[in-house]
Amino acid sequence: MADDLSLINYLVTGLKLGGTEENDFDDDAIDAMHALAEAATLLQKQLELKRTNDLKTTTELIDDLEDFMADSIARVSIGLQGAKR
């Protein structure tokens, strides 16, 4: 879970360091960034609660989120293809 959260944070940091602005993204990429923010919030909450959740529930959540994150990251990448350099 911490690795997934770090991946999202590194992506956002890289976009900021690269000088991207919101108008560089297409609408789908903006939606994907919002989805990644929601995933990060959920991961953070799960990290805080992981001692109270059973392993099966936590594993299922991570599996679902990893597919969701991969899709969102791909959508951001595609949405940035037309961005100004």
Protein backbone atom coordinates (compact mmCIF):
# COMPACT_ATOMS: atom_id res chain seq x y z
CA MET A 1 0.00 0.00 0.00
CA ALA A 2 2.76 2.43 0.88
CA ASP A 3 4.44 1.69 -2.46
CA ASP A 4 1.24 2.46 -4.36
CA LEU A 5 0.79 5.71 -2.45
CA SER A 6 4.41 6.64 -3.16
CA LEU A 7 3.90 5.97 -6.87
CA ILE A 8 0.99 8.41 -6.99
CA ASN A 9 2.94 11.01 -5.03
CA TYR A 10 6.00 10.65 -7.30
CA LEU A 11 3.83 11.06 -10.39
CA VAL A 12 2.28 14.25 -9.06
CA THR A 13 5.67 15.59 -7.97
CA GLY A 14 7.13 14.83 -11.40
CA LEU A 15 4.30 16.63 -13.14
CA LYS A 16 4.83 19.66 -10.91
CA LEU A 17 8.59 19.63 -11.49
CA GLY A 18 8.01 19.28 -15.22
CA GLY A 19 6.06 22.52 -15.18
CA THR A 20 2.74 21.07 -16.31
CA GLU A 21 -0.31 23.22 -15.73
CA GLU A 22 -3.95 22.19 -15.64
CA ASN A 23 -4.55 23.54 -19.15
CA ASP A 24 -1.88 21.13 -20.44
CA PHE A 25 -4.21 18.22 -19.70
CA ASP A 26 -7.17 17.09 -21.73
CA ASP A 27 -10.46 16.52 -19.91
CA ASP A 28 -9.93 12.76 -19.53
CA ALA A 29 -6.47 13.29 -18.03
CA ILE A 30 -7.91 15.80 -15.55
CA ASP A 31 -10.53 13.24 -14.55
CA ALA A 32 -7.78 10.63 -14.17
CA MET A 33 -5.78 12.96 -11.92
CA HIS A 34 -8.86 13.46 -9.72
CA ALA A 35 -9.28 9.68 -9.60
CA LEU A 36 -5.64 9.27 -8.54
CA ALA A 37 -6.15 11.82 -5.78
CA GLU A 38 -9.13 9.79 -4.53
CA ALA A 39 -7.05 6.60 -4.70
CA ALA A 40 -4.28 8.28 -2.70
CA THR A 41 -6.77 9.32 -0.04
CA LEU A 42 -8.15 5.79 0.16
CA LEU A 43 -4.67 4.29 0.37
CA GLN A 44 -3.70 6.70 3.13
CA LYS A 45 -6.81 5.78 5.13
CA GLN A 46 -6.11 2.09 4.61
CA LEU A 47 -2.53 2.52 5.83
CA GLU A 48 -3.85 4.15 8.98
CA LEU A 49 -6.41 1.36 9.50
CA LYS A 50 -4.45 -1.64 8.26
CA ARG A 51 -4.15 -3.18 11.70
CA THR A 52 -7.93 -3.33 12.00
CA ASN A 53 -8.63 -4.79 8.53
CA ASP A 54 -8.32 -8.44 7.74
CA LEU A 55 -5.62 -9.41 5.25
CA LYS A 56 -8.06 -10.67 2.60
CA THR A 57 -9.98 -7.37 2.47
CA THR A 58 -6.77 -5.34 2.31
CA THR A 59 -5.32 -7.56 -0.45
CA GLU A 60 -8.49 -7.30 -2.54
CA LEU A 61 -8.53 -3.52 -2.16
CA ILE A 62 -4.89 -3.24 -3.25
CA ASP A 63 -5.46 -5.48 -6.27
CA ASP A 64 -8.43 -3.39 -7.36
CA LEU A 65 -6.63 -0.10 -6.78
CA GLU A 66 -3.50 -1.14 -8.66
CA ASP A 67 -5.48 -1.82 -11.84
CA PHE A 68 -7.35 1.45 -11.35
CA MET A 69 -4.09 3.35 -10.79
CA ALA A 70 -2.45 1.85 -13.87
CA ASP A 71 -5.42 2.88 -15.99
CA SER A 72 -5.43 6.40 -14.53
CA ILE A 73 -1.69 6.86 -15.06
CA ALA A 74 -2.04 5.72 -18.67
CA ARG A 75 -4.89 8.19 -19.19
CA VAL A 76 -2.76 11.02 -17.76
CA SER A 77 0.14 10.07 -20.06
CA ILE A 78 -2.08 9.96 -23.12
CA GLY A 79 -3.75 13.22 -22.12
CA LEU A 80 -0.40 14.97 -21.91
CA GLN A 81 0.74 14.02 -25.41
CA GLY A 82 -0.43 17.34 -26.80
CA ALA A 83 0.94 19.41 -23.92
CA LYS A 84 3.22 22.33 -24.57
CA ARG A 85 6.88 21.70 -23.90
